[in-house]
């Protein structure tokens, strides 16, 4: 599995600029968000809605990721 999140140098620079507590919280949040995005990309499914009664002039498909 590939590593998700900030590198050591990025984390260290963030902590140096905003403080240890805030920098650690931000880095952890970014790591969690990156993992969630990766999970969403991995499990993405396209759904095409088919609604009865739509006139032929509106032949567009709506795709929503699930």
Protein backbone atom coordinates (compact mmCIF):
# COMPACT_ATOMS: atom_id res chain seq x y z
CA UNK A 1 0.00 0.00 0.00
CA UNK A 2 1.37 3.41 -0.86
CA UNK A 3 2.08 5.92 1.88
CA UNK A 4 -0.53 8.61 2.30
CA UNK A 5 0.17 11.90 4.03
CA UNK A 6 2.93 14.41 4.56
CA UNK A 7 6.60 13.65 4.40
CA UNK A 8 8.74 14.12 7.50
CA UNK A 9 10.20 17.37 6.11
CA UNK A 10 6.76 18.80 5.29
CA UNK A 11 5.46 17.91 8.75
CA UNK A 12 8.54 19.46 10.39
CA UNK A 13 8.18 22.68 8.34
CA UNK A 14 4.49 22.93 9.23
CA UNK A 15 5.25 22.48 12.93
CA UNK A 16 8.03 25.08 12.76
CA UNK A 17 5.71 27.66 11.20
CA UNK A 18 2.49 27.22 13.17
CA UNK A 19 3.65 25.57 16.36
CA UNK A 20 3.96 21.98 17.50
CA UNK A 21 0.39 21.33 18.64
CA UNK A 22 -1.36 23.06 15.74
CA UNK A 23 1.10 21.70 13.19
CA UNK A 24 0.62 18.15 14.42
CA UNK A 25 -3.16 18.51 14.32
CA UNK A 26 -3.09 19.92 10.79
CA UNK A 27 -0.70 17.23 9.58
CA UNK A 28 -2.88 14.48 11.11
CA UNK A 29 -6.02 15.97 9.55
CA UNK A 30 -4.32 16.12 6.14
CA UNK A 31 -3.21 12.49 6.48
CA UNK A 32 -6.76 11.39 7.35
CA UNK A 33 -8.20 13.39 4.44
CA UNK A 34 -5.67 11.92 2.00
CA UNK A 35 -6.55 8.40 3.16
CA UNK A 36 -10.27 9.12 2.79
CA UNK A 37 -9.77 10.53 -0.72
CA UNK A 38 -7.74 7.47 -1.70
CA UNK A 39 -10.49 5.19 -0.36
CA UNK A 40 -13.14 7.11 -2.31
CA UNK A 41 -11.10 6.86 -5.51
CA UNK A 42 -10.56 3.16 -4.99
CA UNK A 43 -14.25 2.38 -4.41
CA UNK A 44 -15.78 4.83 -6.91
CA UNK A 45 -18.76 3.52 -8.85
CA UNK A 46 -20.55 5.46 -11.61
CA UNK A 47 -24.34 5.40 -11.51
CA UNK A 48 -26.49 6.50 -14.42
CA UNK A 49 -29.95 7.62 -13.40
CA UNK A 50 -32.77 6.65 -15.73
CA UNK A 51 -35.93 8.62 -15.10
CA UNK A 52 -39.11 7.60 -16.97
CA UNK A 53 -41.12 10.31 -18.67
CA UNK A 54 -38.23 12.57 -19.72
CA UNK A 55 -38.80 13.97 -23.24
CA UNK A 56 -36.37 12.83 -25.94
CA UNK A 57 -34.99 16.39 -26.24
CA UNK A 58 -33.33 15.98 -22.85
CA UNK A 59 -31.23 12.92 -23.64
CA UNK A 60 -28.49 13.74 -21.14
CA UNK A 61 -27.13 11.29 -18.63
CA UNK A 62 -26.41 12.24 -15.06
CA UNK A 63 -23.59 10.34 -13.45
CA UNK A 64 -23.14 10.48 -9.71
CA UNK A 65 -20.26 8.76 -7.94
CA UNK A 66 -21.42 6.55 -5.11
